[in-house]
PDB file of all heavy atoms in Angstrom:
ATOM      1  N   HIS A   1       0.828  -1.196   0.000  1.00  0.00           N
ATOM      2  CA  HIS A   1       0.000   0.000   0.000  1.00  0.00           C
ATOM      3  C   HIS A   1       0.869   1.254   0.000  1.00  0.00           C
ATOM      4  O   HIS A   1       1.850   1.348   0.740  1.00  0.00           O
ATOM      5  CB  HIS A   1      -0.909   0.020   1.235  1.00  0.00           C
ATOM      6  CG  HIS A   1      -1.763   1.237   1.343  1.00  0.00           C
ATOM      7  ND1 HIS A   1      -1.607   2.191   2.323  1.00  0.00           N
ATOM      8  CD2 HIS A   1      -2.788   1.676   0.561  1.00  0.00           C
ATOM      9  CE1 HIS A   1      -2.497   3.149   2.163  1.00  0.00           C
ATOM     10  NE2 HIS A   1      -3.230   2.865   1.102  1.00  0.00           N
ATOM     11  N   SER A   2       0.519   2.214  -0.859  1.00  0.00           N
ATOM     12  CA  SER A   2       1.132   3.539  -0.852  1.00  0.00           C
ATOM     13  C   SER A   2       2.662   3.469  -0.969  1.00  0.00           C
ATOM     14  O   SER A   2       3.187   2.826  -1.881  1.00  0.00           O
ATOM     15  CB  SER A   2       0.686   4.291   0.408  1.00  0.00           C
ATOM     16  OG  SER A   2       0.937   5.663   0.302  1.00  0.00           O
ATOM     17  N   TYR A   3       3.373   4.109  -0.028  1.00  0.00           N
ATOM     18  CA  TYR A   3       4.834   4.089  -0.074  1.00  0.00           C
ATOM     19  C   TYR A   3       5.403   2.668   0.041  1.00  0.00           C
ATOM     20  O   TYR A   3       6.541   2.422  -0.353  1.00  0.00           O
ATOM     21  CB  TYR A   3       5.402   4.952   1.054  1.00  0.00           C
ATOM     22  CG  TYR A   3       5.674   6.393   0.669  1.00  0.00           C
ATOM     23  CD1 TYR A   3       6.019   7.339   1.645  1.00  0.00           C
ATOM     24  CD2 TYR A   3       5.616   6.825  -0.654  1.00  0.00           C
ATOM     25  CE1 TYR A   3       6.274   8.660   1.319  1.00  0.00           C
ATOM     26  CE2 TYR A   3       5.859   8.140  -0.989  1.00  0.00           C
ATOM     27  CZ  TYR A   3       6.193   9.059  -0.001  1.00  0.00           C
ATOM     28  OH  TYR A   3       6.460  10.368  -0.329  1.00  0.00           O
ATOM     29  N   GLY A   4       4.616   1.731   0.580  1.00  0.00           N
ATOM     30  CA  GLY A   4       5.080   0.355   0.625  1.00  0.00           C
ATOM     31  C   GLY A   4       5.375  -0.177  -0.767  1.00  0.00           C
ATOM     32  O   GLY A   4       6.341  -0.908  -0.986  1.00  0.00           O
ATOM     33  N   GLY A   5       4.515   0.188  -1.735  1.00  0.00           N
ATOM     34  CA  GLY A   5       4.748  -0.203  -3.119  1.00  0.00           C
ATOM     35  C   GLY A   5       5.935   0.510  -3.720  1.00  0.00           C
ATOM     36  O   GLY A   5       6.723  -0.076  -4.483  1.00  0.00           O
ATOM     37  N   THR A   6       6.084   1.782  -3.386  1.00  0.00           N
ATOM     38  CA  THR A   6       7.237   2.547  -3.860  1.00  0.00           C
ATOM     39  C   THR A   6       8.525   1.921  -3.352  1.00  0.00           C
ATOM     40  O   THR A   6       9.512   1.792  -4.095  1.00  0.00           O
ATOM     41  CB  THR A   6       7.141   4.005  -3.378  1.00  0.00           C
ATOM     42  OG1 THR A   6       5.816   4.484  -3.520  1.00  0.00           O
ATOM     43  CG2 THR A   6       8.084   4.902  -4.171  1.00  0.00           C
ATOM     44  N   GLU A   7       8.516   1.520  -2.107  1.00  0.00           N
ATOM     45  CA  GLU A   7       9.694   0.879  -1.504  1.00  0.00           C
ATOM     46  C   GLU A   7      10.010  -0.435  -2.205  1.00  0.00           C
ATOM     47  O   GLU A   7      11.178  -0.731  -2.474  1.00  0.00           O
ATOM     48  CB  GLU A   7       9.431   0.643  -0.011  1.00  0.00           C
ATOM     49  CG  GLU A   7       9.340   1.909   0.809  1.00  0.00           C
ATOM     50  CD  GLU A   7       8.445   1.765   2.035  1.00  0.00           C
ATOM     51  OE1 GLU A   7       8.138   0.624   2.427  1.00  0.00           O
ATOM     52  OE2 GLU A   7       8.047   2.802   2.595  1.00  0.00           O
ATOM     53  N   TRP A   8       8.973  -1.217  -2.506  1.00  0.00           N
ATOM     54  CA  TRP A   8       9.224  -2.497  -3.173  1.00  0.00           C
ATOM     55  C   TRP A   8       9.829  -2.284  -4.557  1.00  0.00           C
ATOM     56  O   TRP A   8      10.769  -2.979  -4.951  1.00  0.00           O
ATOM     57  CB  TRP A   8       7.927  -3.319  -3.303  1.00  0.00           C
ATOM     58  CG  TRP A   8       8.217  -4.631  -3.977  1.00  0.00           C
ATOM     59  CD1 TRP A   8       8.685  -5.765  -3.388  1.00  0.00           C
ATOM     60  CD2 TRP A   8       8.111  -4.905  -5.378  1.00  0.00           C
ATOM     61  NE1 TRP A   8       8.881  -6.735  -4.352  1.00  0.00           N
ATOM     62  CE2 TRP A   8       8.536  -6.234  -5.579  1.00  0.00           C
ATOM     63  CE3 TRP A   8       7.702  -4.150  -6.483  1.00  0.00           C
ATOM     64  CZ2 TRP A   8       8.566  -6.833  -6.835  1.00  0.00           C
ATOM     65  CZ3 TRP A   8       7.729  -4.740  -7.741  1.00  0.00           C
ATOM     66  CH2 TRP A   8       8.147  -6.062  -7.906  1.00  0.00           C
ATOM     67  N   LEU A   9       9.293  -1.327  -5.304  1.00  0.00           N
ATOM     68  CA  LEU A   9       9.827  -1.047  -6.638  1.00  0.00           C
ATOM     69  C   LEU A   9      11.300  -0.668  -6.567  1.00  0.00           C
ATOM     70  O   LEU A   9      12.132  -1.187  -7.323  1.00  0.00           O
ATOM     71  CB  LEU A   9       9.021   0.072  -7.305  1.00  0.00           C
ATOM     72  CG  LEU A   9       7.625  -0.301  -7.807  1.00  0.00           C
ATOM     73  CD1 LEU A   9       6.846   0.951  -8.154  1.00  0.00           C
ATOM     74  CD2 LEU A   9       7.725  -1.217  -9.017  1.00  0.00           C
ATOM     75  N   HIS A  10      11.647   0.245  -5.655  1.00  0.00           N
ATOM     76  CA  HIS A  10      13.041   0.669  -5.526  1.00  0.00           C
ATOM     77  C   HIS A  10      13.923  -0.484  -5.062  1.00  0.00           C
ATOM     78  O   HIS A  10      15.039  -0.670  -5.565  1.00  0.00           O
ATOM     79  CB  HIS A  10      13.152   1.844  -4.550  1.00  0.00           C
ATOM     80  CG  HIS A  10      12.834   3.171  -5.163  1.00  0.00           C
ATOM     81  ND1 HIS A  10      13.759   3.921  -5.846  1.00  0.00           N
ATOM     82  CD2 HIS A  10      11.678   3.884  -5.196  1.00  0.00           C
ATOM     83  CE1 HIS A  10      13.203   5.042  -6.279  1.00  0.00           C
ATOM     84  NE2 HIS A  10      11.933   5.036  -5.894  1.00  0.00           N
ATOM     85  N   ALA A  11      13.430  -1.268  -4.099  1.00  0.00           N
ATOM     86  CA  ALA A  11      14.219  -2.388  -3.582  1.00  0.00           C
ATOM     87  C   ALA A  11      14.488  -3.409  -4.676  1.00  0.00           C
ATOM     88  O   ALA A  11      15.614  -3.910  -4.825  1.00  0.00           O
ATOM     89  CB  ALA A  11      13.497  -3.039  -2.406  1.00  0.00           C
ATOM     90  N   TYR A  12      13.477  -3.703  -5.472  1.00  0.00           N
ATOM     91  CA  TYR A  12      13.643  -4.703  -6.521  1.00  0.00           C
ATOM     92  C   TYR A  12      14.555  -4.199  -7.642  1.00  0.00           C
ATOM     93  O   TYR A  12      15.500  -4.882  -8.051  1.00  0.00           O
ATOM     94  CB  TYR A  12      12.282  -5.094  -7.106  1.00  0.00           C
ATOM     95  CG  TYR A  12      12.394  -6.151  -8.183  1.00  0.00           C
ATOM     96  CD1 TYR A  12      12.419  -7.498  -7.851  1.00  0.00           C
ATOM     97  CD2 TYR A  12      12.502  -5.797  -9.523  1.00  0.00           C
ATOM     98  CE1 TYR A  12      12.544  -8.474  -8.824  1.00  0.00           C
ATOM     99  CE2 TYR A  12      12.630  -6.758 -10.507  1.00  0.00           C
ATOM    100  CZ  TYR A  12      12.651  -8.091 -10.157  1.00  0.00           C
ATOM    101  OH  TYR A  12      12.794  -9.051 -11.128  1.00  0.00           O
ATOM    102  N   ILE A  13      14.265  -3.009  -8.138  1.00  0.00           N
ATOM    103  CA  ILE A  13      14.990  -2.499  -9.299  1.00  0.00           C
ATOM    104  C   ILE A  13      16.461  -2.247  -8.984  1.00  0.00           C
ATOM    105  O   ILE A  13      17.322  -2.345  -9.856  1.00  0.00           O
ATOM    106  CB  ILE A  13      14.298  -1.217  -9.818  1.00  0.00           C
ATOM    107  CG1 ILE A  13      12.935  -1.580 -10.421  1.00  0.00           C
ATOM    108  CG2 ILE A  13      15.149  -0.492 -10.853  1.00  0.00           C
ATOM    109  CD1 ILE A  13      12.086  -0.390 -10.798  1.00  0.00           C
ATOM    110  N   SER A  14      16.785  -1.951  -7.720  1.00  0.00           N
ATOM    111  CA  SER A  14      18.176  -1.648  -7.358  1.00  0.00           C
ATOM    112  C   SER A  14      18.946  -2.865  -6.846  1.00  0.00           C
ATOM    113  O   SER A  14      20.107  -2.723  -6.452  1.00  0.00           O
ATOM    114  CB  SER A  14      18.208  -0.555  -6.284  1.00  0.00           C
ATOM    115  OG  SER A  14      17.605  -1.016  -5.082  1.00  0.00           O
ATOM    116  N   SER A  15      18.330  -4.060  -6.863  1.00  0.00           N
ATOM    117  CA  SER A  15      18.964  -5.234  -6.252  1.00  0.00           C
ATOM    118  C   SER A  15      19.111  -6.374  -7.262  1.00  0.00           C
ATOM    119  O   SER A  15      18.193  -7.203  -7.400  1.00  0.00           O
ATOM    120  CB  SER A  15      18.150  -5.713  -5.048  1.00  0.00           C
ATOM    121  OG  SER A  15      17.924  -4.664  -4.136  1.00  0.00           O
ATOM    122  N   PRO A  16      20.242  -6.479  -7.946  1.00  0.00           N
ATOM    123  CA  PRO A  16      20.446  -7.574  -8.908  1.00  0.00           C
ATOM    124  C   PRO A  16      20.308  -8.950  -8.277  1.00  0.00           C
ATOM    125  O   PRO A  16      19.831  -9.886  -8.929  1.00  0.00           O
ATOM    126  CB  PRO A  16      21.878  -7.328  -9.412  1.00  0.00           C
ATOM    127  CG  PRO A  16      22.112  -5.867  -9.212  1.00  0.00           C
ATOM    128  CD  PRO A  16      21.374  -5.530  -7.950  1.00  0.00           C
ATOM    129  N   ASP A  17      20.711  -9.097  -7.009  1.00  0.00           N
ATOM    130  CA  ASP A  17      20.613 -10.411  -6.365  1.00  0.00           C
ATOM    131  C   ASP A  17      19.166 -10.815  -6.140  1.00  0.00           C
ATOM    132  O   ASP A  17      18.799 -11.984  -6.310  1.00  0.00           O
ATOM    133  CB  ASP A  17      21.399 -10.421  -5.050  1.00  0.00           C
ATOM    134  CG  ASP A  17      20.890  -9.395  -4.053  1.00  0.00           C
ATOM    135  OD1 ASP A  17      20.577  -8.264  -4.478  1.00  0.00           O
ATOM    136  OD2 ASP A  17      20.812  -9.703  -2.846  1.00  0.00           O
ATOM    137  N   ILE A  18      18.318  -9.860  -5.778  1.00  0.00           N
ATOM    138  CA  ILE A  18      16.901 -10.178  -5.602  1.00  0.00           C
ATOM    139  C   ILE A  18      16.264 -10.512  -6.947  1.00  0.00           C
ATOM    140  O   ILE A  18      15.465 -11.453  -7.060  1.00  0.00           O
ATOM    141  CB  ILE A  18      16.174  -9.011  -4.909  1.00  0.00           C
ATOM    142  CG1 ILE A  18      16.674  -8.867  -3.461  1.00  0.00           C
ATOM    143  CG2 ILE A  18      14.655  -9.227  -4.920  1.00  0.00           C
ATOM    144  CD1 ILE A  18      16.087  -7.701  -2.713  1.00  0.00           C
ATOM    145  N   GLN A  19      16.617  -9.770  -7.974  1.00  0.00           N
ATOM    146  CA  GLN A  19      16.112 -10.062  -9.318  1.00  0.00           C
ATOM    147  C   GLN A  19      16.504 -11.468  -9.762  1.00  0.00           C
ATOM    148  O   GLN A  19      15.712 -12.174 -10.398  1.00  0.00           O
ATOM    149  CB  GLN A  19      16.662  -9.043 -10.312  1.00  0.00           C
ATOM    150  CG  GLN A  19      16.247  -7.618 -10.053  1.00  0.00           C
ATOM    151  CD  GLN A  19      17.123  -6.623 -10.803  1.00  0.00           C
ATOM    152  OE1 GLN A  19      17.688  -6.957 -11.859  1.00  0.00           O
ATOM    153  NE2 GLN A  19      17.260  -5.423 -10.280  1.00  0.00           N
ATOM    154  N   LYS A  20      17.704 -11.880  -9.413  1.00  0.00           N
ATOM    155  CA  LYS A  20      18.209 -13.192  -9.830  1.00  0.00           C
ATOM    156  C   LYS A  20      17.639 -14.330  -8.996  1.00  0.00           C
ATOM    157  O   LYS A  20      17.315 -15.400  -9.532  1.00  0.00           O
ATOM    158  CB  LYS A  20      19.738 -13.195  -9.727  1.00  0.00           C
ATOM    159  CG  LYS A  20      20.377 -14.530 -10.079  1.00  0.00           C
ATOM    160  CD  LYS A  20      21.890 -14.472  -9.910  1.00  0.00           C
ATOM    161  CE  LYS A  20      22.530 -15.830 -10.192  1.00  0.00           C
ATOM    162  NZ  LYS A  20      24.015 -15.778 -10.000  1.00  0.00           N
ATOM    163  N   ASN A  21      17.487 -14.106  -7.698  1.00  0.00           N
ATOM    164  CA  ASN A  21      17.185 -15.211  -6.785  1.00  0.00           C
ATOM    165  C   ASN A  21      15.711 -15.396  -6.451  1.00  0.00           C
ATOM    166  O   ASN A  21      15.317 -16.451  -5.967  1.00  0.00           O
ATOM    167  CB  ASN A  21      17.945 -15.020  -5.468  1.00  0.00           C
ATOM    168  CG  ASN A  21      19.446 -15.086  -5.660  1.00  0.00           C
ATOM    169  OD1 ASN A  21      19.944 -15.848  -6.494  1.00  0.00           O
ATOM    170  ND2 ASN A  21      20.180 -14.277  -4.898  1.00  0.00           N
ATOM    171  N   MET A  22      14.902 -14.354  -6.690  1.00  0.00           N
ATOM    172  CA  MET A  22      13.501 -14.438  -6.285  1.00  0.00           C
ATOM    173  C   MET A  22      12.570 -14.145  -7.454  1.00  0.00           C
ATOM    174  O   MET A  22      12.838 -13.246  -8.259  1.00  0.00           O
ATOM    175  CB  MET A  22      13.203 -13.470  -5.131  1.00  0.00           C
ATOM    176  CG  MET A  22      14.000 -13.749  -3.869  1.00  0.00           C
ATOM    177  SD  MET A  22      13.578 -12.629  -2.500  1.00  0.00           S
ATOM    178  CE  MET A  22      11.968 -13.276  -2.017  1.00  0.00           C
ATOM    179  N   ARG A  23      11.489 -14.897  -7.512  1.00  0.00           N
ATOM    180  CA  ARG A  23      10.439 -14.649  -8.496  1.00  0.00           C
ATOM    181  C   ARG A  23       9.235 -14.052  -7.763  1.00  0.00           C
ATOM    182  O   ARG A  23       8.874 -14.521  -6.676  1.00  0.00           O
ATOM    183  CB  ARG A  23      10.028 -15.941  -9.203  1.00  0.00           C
ATOM    184  CG  ARG A  23       8.795 -15.784 -10.084  1.00  0.00           C
ATOM    185  CD  ARG A  23       8.449 -17.055 -10.829  1.00  0.00           C
ATOM    186  NE  ARG A  23       7.164 -16.950 -11.511  1.00  0.00           N
ATOM    187  CZ  ARG A  23       6.971 -16.307 -12.649  1.00  0.00           C
ATOM    188  NH1 ARG A  23       7.992 -15.722 -13.255  1.00  0.00           N
ATOM    189  NH2 ARG A  23       5.775 -16.249 -13.204  1.00  0.00           N
ATOM    190  N   PHE A  24       8.640 -13.043  -8.356  1.00  0.00           N
ATOM    191  CA  PHE A  24       7.465 -12.407  -7.774  1.00  0.00           C
ATOM    192  C   PHE A  24       6.274 -12.701  -8.692  1.00  0.00           C
ATOM    193  O   PHE A  24       6.107 -12.055  -9.727  1.00  0.00           O
ATOM    194  CB  PHE A  24       7.692 -10.909  -7.612  1.00  0.00           C
ATOM    195  CG  PHE A  24       8.755 -10.588  -6.600  1.00  0.00           C
ATOM    196  CD1 PHE A  24      10.091 -10.564  -6.960  1.00  0.00           C
ATOM    197  CD2 PHE A  24       8.428 -10.357  -5.275  1.00  0.00           C
ATOM    198  CE1 PHE A  24      11.086 -10.289  -6.028  1.00  0.00           C
ATOM    199  CE2 PHE A  24       9.408 -10.087  -4.328  1.00  0.00           C
ATOM    200  CZ  PHE A  24      10.740 -10.057  -4.709  1.00  0.00           C
ATOM    201  N   SER A  25       5.498 -13.688  -8.296  1.00  0.00           N
ATOM    202  CA  SER A  25       4.413 -14.156  -9.170  1.00  0.00           C
ATOM    203  C   SER A  25       3.372 -13.074  -9.403  1.00  0.00           C
ATOM    204  O   SER A  25       2.992 -12.785 -10.538  1.00  0.00           O
ATOM    205  CB  SER A  25       3.754 -15.396  -8.556  1.00  0.00           C
ATOM    206  OG  SER A  25       4.685 -16.450  -8.465  1.00  0.00           O
ATOM    207  N   LYS A  26       2.903 -12.472  -8.309  1.00  0.00           N
ATOM    208  CA  LYS A  26       1.868 -11.441  -8.416  1.00  0.00           C
ATOM    209  C   LYS A  26       2.192 -10.307  -7.455  1.00  0.00           C
ATOM    210  O   LYS A  26       2.428 -10.545  -6.267  1.00  0.00           O
ATOM    211  CB  LYS A  26       0.490 -12.023  -8.108  1.00  0.00           C
ATOM    212  CG  LYS A  26       0.058 -13.098  -9.106  1.00  0.00           C
ATOM    213  CD  LYS A  26      -1.233 -13.767  -8.695  1.00  0.00           C
ATOM    214  CE  LYS A  26      -1.610 -14.876  -9.689  1.00  0.00           C
ATOM    215  NZ  LYS A  26      -2.840 -15.589  -9.283  1.00  0.00           N
ATOM    216  N   VAL A  27       2.198  -9.092  -7.982  1.00  0.00           N
ATOM    217  CA  VAL A  27       2.477  -7.905  -7.182  1.00  0.00           C
ATOM    218  C   VAL A  27       1.280  -6.965  -7.302  1.00  0.00           C
ATOM    219  O   VAL A  27       0.950  -6.505  -8.395  1.00  0.00           O
ATOM    220  CB  VAL A  27       3.755  -7.188  -7.657  1.00  0.00           C
ATOM    221  CG1 VAL A  27       3.989  -5.918  -6.846  1.00  0.00           C
ATOM    222  CG2 VAL A  27       4.969  -8.115  -7.564  1.00  0.00           C
ATOM    223  N   ILE A  28       0.620  -6.703  -6.186  1.00  0.00           N
ATOM    224  CA  ILE A  28      -0.536  -5.811  -6.164  1.00  0.00           C
ATOM    225  C   ILE A  28      -0.140  -4.517  -5.468  1.00  0.00           C
ATOM    226  O   ILE A  28       0.192  -4.508  -4.281  1.00  0.00           O
ATOM    227  CB  ILE A  28      -1.734  -6.455  -5.441  1.00  0.00           C
ATOM    228  CG1 ILE A  28      -2.141  -7.748  -6.142  1.00  0.00           C
ATOM    229  CG2 ILE A  28      -2.910  -5.480  -5.387  1.00  0.00           C
ATOM    230  CD1 ILE A  28      -3.276  -8.493  -5.448  1.00  0.00           C
ATOM    231  N   LEU A  29      -0.168  -3.421  -6.205  1.00  0.00           N
ATOM    232  CA  LEU A  29       0.166  -2.100  -5.672  1.00  0.00           C
ATOM    233  C   LEU A  29      -1.124  -1.323  -5.449  1.00  0.00           C
ATOM    234  O   LEU A  29      -1.954  -1.211  -6.360  1.00  0.00           O
ATOM    235  CB  LEU A  29       1.074  -1.349  -6.651  1.00  0.00           C
ATOM    236  CG  LEU A  29       2.355  -2.070  -7.083  1.00  0.00           C
ATOM    237  CD1 LEU A  29       3.123  -1.234  -8.106  1.00  0.00           C
ATOM    238  CD2 LEU A  29       3.240  -2.385  -5.883  1.00  0.00           C
ATOM    239  N   LEU A  30      -1.282  -0.786  -4.257  1.00  0.00           N
ATOM    240  CA  LEU A  30      -2.507  -0.076  -3.885  1.00  0.00           C
ATOM    241  C   LEU A  30      -2.195   1.399  -3.636  1.00  0.00           C
ATOM    242  O   LEU A  30      -1.593   1.754  -2.622  1.00  0.00           O
ATOM    243  CB  LEU A  30      -3.104  -0.699  -2.618  1.00  0.00           C
ATOM    244  CG  LEU A  30      -3.385  -2.209  -2.657  1.00  0.00           C
ATOM    245  CD1 LEU A  30      -3.752  -2.713  -1.264  1.00  0.00           C
ATOM    246  CD2 LEU A  30      -4.489  -2.526  -3.646  1.00  0.00           C
ATOM    247  N   GLY A  31      -2.576   2.268  -4.561  1.00  0.00           N
ATOM    248  CA  GLY A  31      -2.334   3.697  -4.371  1.00  0.00           C
ATOM    249  C   GLY A  31      -0.869   4.025  -4.212  1.00  0.00           C
ATOM    250  O   GLY A  31      -0.494   4.802  -3.327  1.00  0.00           O
ATOM    251  N   THR A  32      -0.040   3.474  -5.081  1.00  0.00           N
ATOM    252  CA  THR A  32       1.418   3.634  -4.966  1.00  0.00           C
ATOM    253  C   THR A  32       1.939   4.788  -5.810  1.00  0.00           C
ATOM    254  O   THR A  32       1.814   4.755  -7.041  1.00  0.00           O
ATOM    255  CB  THR A  32       2.120   2.325  -5.392  1.00  0.00           C
ATOM    256  OG1 THR A  32       1.831   1.304  -4.435  1.00  0.00           O
ATOM    257  CG2 THR A  32       3.620   2.515  -5.495  1.00  0.00           C
ATOM    258  N   PRO A  33       2.536   5.804  -5.188  1.00  0.00           N
ATOM    259  CA  PRO A  33       3.156   6.874  -5.982  1.00  0.00           C
ATOM    260  C   PRO A  33       4.497   6.421  -6.532  1.00  0.00           C
ATOM    261  O   PRO A  33       5.334   5.886  -5.807  1.00  0.00           O
ATOM    262  CB  PRO A  33       3.331   8.003  -4.959  1.00  0.00           C
ATOM    263  CG  PRO A  33       3.451   7.306  -3.647  1.00  0.00           C
ATOM    264  CD  PRO A  33       2.617   6.049  -3.747  1.00  0.00           C
ATOM    265  N   VAL A  34       4.703   6.636  -7.831  1.00  0.00           N
ATOM    266  CA  VAL A  34       5.956   6.245  -8.480  1.00  0.00           C
ATOM    267  C   VAL A  34       6.768   7.479  -8.852  1.00  0.00           C
ATOM    268  O   VAL A  34       7.991   7.480  -8.766  1.00  0.00           O
ATOM    269  CB  VAL A  34       5.669   5.386  -9.731  1.00  0.00           C
ATOM    270  CG1 VAL A  34       6.967   4.974 -10.430  1.00  0.00           C
ATOM    271  CG2 VAL A  34       4.867   4.147  -9.338  1.00  0.00           C
ATOM    272  N   ASP A  35       6.077   8.525  -9.276  1.00  0.00           N
ATOM    273  CA  ASP A  35       6.704   9.812  -9.586  1.00  0.00           C
ATOM    274  C   ASP A  35       5.845  10.901  -8.956  1.00  0.00           C
ATOM    275  O   ASP A  35       4.682  11.082  -9.325  1.00  0.00           O
ATOM    276  CB  ASP A  35       6.800  10.000 -11.101  1.00  0.00           C
ATOM    277  CG  ASP A  35       7.570  11.252 -11.490  1.00  0.00           C
ATOM    278  OD1 ASP A  35       7.504  12.257 -10.753  1.00  0.00           O
ATOM    279  OD2 ASP A  35       8.231  11.240 -12.542  1.00  0.00           O
ATOM    280  N   GLU A  36       6.406  11.638  -7.995  1.00  0.00           N
ATOM    281  CA  GLU A  36       5.628  12.623  -7.252  1.00  0.00           C
ATOM    282  C   GLU A  36       5.772  14.037  -7.810  1.00  0.00           C
ATOM    283  O   GLU A  36       5.463  15.013  -7.130  1.00  0.00           O
ATOM    284  CB  GLU A  36       6.030  12.578  -5.779  1.00  0.00           C
ATOM    285  CG  GLU A  36       5.739  11.223  -5.137  1.00  0.00           C
ATOM    286  CD  GLU A  36       6.049  11.172  -3.658  1.00  0.00           C
ATOM    287  OE1 GLU A  36       5.197  11.593  -2.860  1.00  0.00           O
ATOM    288  OE2 GLU A  36       7.161  10.701  -3.305  1.00  0.00           O
ATOM    289  N   THR A  37       6.181  14.137  -9.063  1.00  0.00           N
ATOM    290  CA  THR A  37       6.328  15.454  -9.693  1.00  0.00           C
ATOM    291  C   THR A  37       4.978  16.096  -9.970  1.00  0.00           C
ATOM    292  O   THR A  37       4.802  17.298  -9.782  1.00  0.00           O
ATOM    293  CB  THR A  37       7.096  15.312 -11.028  1.00  0.00           C
ATOM    294  OG1 THR A  37       8.384  14.749 -10.780  1.00  0.00           O
ATOM    295  CG2 THR A  37       7.252  16.667 -11.705  1.00  0.00           C
ATOM    296  N   PHE A  38       4.018  15.296 -10.402  1.00  0.00           N
ATOM    297  CA  PHE A  38       2.807  15.827 -11.013  1.00  0.00           C
ATOM    298  C   PHE A  38       1.595  15.751 -10.088  1.00  0.00           C
ATOM    299  O   PHE A  38       1.522  14.896  -9.203  1.00  0.00           O
ATOM    300  CB  PHE A  38       2.515  15.062 -12.315  1.00  0.00           C
ATOM    301  CG  PHE A  38       3.715  14.963 -13.217  1.00  0.00           C
ATOM    302  CD1 PHE A  38       4.426  13.774 -13.319  1.00  0.00           C
ATOM    303  CD2 PHE A  38       4.142  16.064 -13.947  1.00  0.00           C
ATOM    304  CE1 PHE A  38       5.533  13.675 -14.135  1.00  0.00           C
ATOM    305  CE2 PHE A  38       5.255  15.980 -14.765  1.00  0.00           C
ATOM    306  CZ  PHE A  38       5.953  14.781 -14.862  1.00  0.00           C
ATOM    307  N   GLY A  39       0.625  16.641 -10.336  1.00  0.00           N
ATOM    308  CA  GLY A  39      -0.605  16.688  -9.561  1.00  0.00           C
ATOM    309  C   GLY A  39      -1.759  16.043 -10.295  1.00  0.00           C
ATOM    310  O   GLY A  39      -1.621  15.581 -11.437  1.00  0.00           O
ATOM    311  N   GLU A  40      -2.932  16.058  -9.693  1.00  0.00           N
ATOM    312  CA  GLU A  40      -4.068  15.309 -10.215  1.00  0.00           C
ATOM    313  C   GLU A  40      -4.607  15.852 -11.538  1.00  0.00           C
ATOM    314  O   GLU A  40      -5.311  15.134 -12.258  1.00  0.00           O
ATOM    315  CB  GLU A  40      -5.201  15.272  -9.190  1.00  0.00           C
ATOM    316  CG  GLU A  40      -5.777  16.619  -8.828  1.00  0.00           C
ATOM    317  CD  GLU A  40      -6.889  16.506  -7.796  1.00  0.00           C
ATOM    318  OE1 GLU A  40      -8.001  16.091  -8.165  1.00  0.00           O
ATOM    319  OE2 GLU A  40      -6.628  16.824  -6.624  1.00  0.00           O
ATOM    320  N   ARG A  41      -4.278  17.073 -11.899  1.00  0.00           N
ATOM    321  CA  ARG A  41      -4.775  17.621 -13.153  1.00  0.00           C
ATOM    322  C   ARG A  41      -3.939  17.205 -14.353  1.00  0.00           C
ATOM    323  O   ARG A  41      -4.329  17.452 -15.504  1.00  0.00           O
ATOM    324  CB  ARG A  41      -4.820  19.153 -13.077  1.00  0.00           C
ATOM    325  CG  ARG A  41      -5.830  19.679 -12.053  1.00  0.00           C
ATOM    326  CD  ARG A  41      -5.966  21.181 -12.131  1.00  0.00           C
ATOM    327  NE  ARG A  41      -6.961  21.672 -11.178  1.00  0.00           N
ATOM    328  CZ  ARG A  41      -7.318  22.940 -11.056  1.00  0.00           C
ATOM    329  NH1 ARG A  41      -6.758  23.864 -11.837  1.00  0.00           N
ATOM    330  NH2 ARG A  41      -8.215  23.293 -10.160  1.00  0.00           N
ATOM    331  N   THR A  42      -2.810  16.577 -14.096  1.00  0.00           N
ATOM    332  CA  THR A  42      -1.938  16.139 -15.188  1.00  0.00           C
ATOM    333  C   THR A  42      -2.402  14.788 -15.718  1.00  0.00           C
ATOM    334  O   THR A  42      -2.646  13.866 -14.955  1.00  0.00           O
ATOM    335  CB  THR A  42      -0.480  16.008 -14.700  1.00  0.00           C
ATOM    336  OG1 THR A  42      -0.059  17.245 -14.138  1.00  0.00           O
ATOM    337  CG2 THR A  42       0.432  15.637 -15.854  1.00  0.00           C
ATOM    338  N   LYS A  43      -2.531  14.690 -17.035  1.00  0.00           N
ATOM    339  CA  LYS A  43      -2.897  13.431 -17.669  1.00  0.00           C
ATOM    340  C   LYS A  43      -1.655  12.753 -18.224  1.00  0.00           C
ATOM    341  O   LYS A  43      -0.736  13.398 -18.715  1.00  0.00           O
ATOM    342  CB  LYS A  43      -3.918  13.667 -18.786  1.00  0.00           C
ATOM    343  CG  LYS A  43      -5.274  14.144 -18.283  1.00  0.00           C
ATOM    344  CD  LYS A  43      -6.284  14.240 -19.403  1.00  0.00           C
ATOM    345  CE  LYS A  43      -7.647  14.670 -18.866  1.00  0.00           C
ATOM    346  NZ  LYS A  43      -8.663  14.757 -19.946  1.00  0.00           N
ATOM    347  N   PHE A  44      -1.655  11.429 -18.151  1.00  0.00           N
ATOM    348  CA  PHE A  44      -0.487  10.673 -18.571  1.00  0.00           C
ATOM    349  C   PHE A  44      -0.285  10.757 -20.085  1.00  0.00           C
ATOM    350  O   PHE A  44      -1.231  10.648 -20.863  1.00  0.00           O
ATOM    351  CB  PHE A  44      -0.629   9.202 -18.172  1.00  0.00           C
ATOM    352  CG  PHE A  44       0.529   8.354 -18.605  1.00  0.00           C
ATOM    353  CD1 PHE A  44       1.679   8.282 -17.829  1.00  0.00           C
ATOM    354  CD2 PHE A  44       0.485   7.646 -19.799  1.00  0.00           C
ATOM    355  CE1 PHE A  44       2.755   7.511 -18.234  1.00  0.00           C
ATOM    356  CE2 PHE A  44       1.553   6.877 -20.207  1.00  0.00           C
ATOM    357  CZ  PHE A  44       2.698   6.805 -19.422  1.00  0.00           C
ATOM    358  N   THR A  45       0.967  10.957 -20.482  1.00  0.00           N
ATOM    359  CA  THR A  45       1.387  10.824 -21.875  1.00  0.00           C
ATOM    360  C   THR A  45       2.672  10.011 -21.900  1.00  0.00           C
ATOM    361  O   THR A  45       3.396   9.932 -20.903  1.00  0.00           O
ATOM    362  CB  THR A  45       1.646  12.185 -22.548  1.00  0.00           C
ATOM    363  OG1 THR A  45       2.776  12.812 -21.906  1.00  0.00           O
ATOM    364  CG2 THR A  45       0.437  13.093 -22.457  1.00  0.00           C
TER     365      THR A  45
END
């Protein structure tokens, strides 16, 4: 949930050993901010 998902993304992407040794079958992110630059009026492109 929330920053918990952000933490998982950073932990996984920055850890070659975790990428090599562990498989993540299903990852459910709930309200996870990935880029905090933009506000709610910005539409994705």
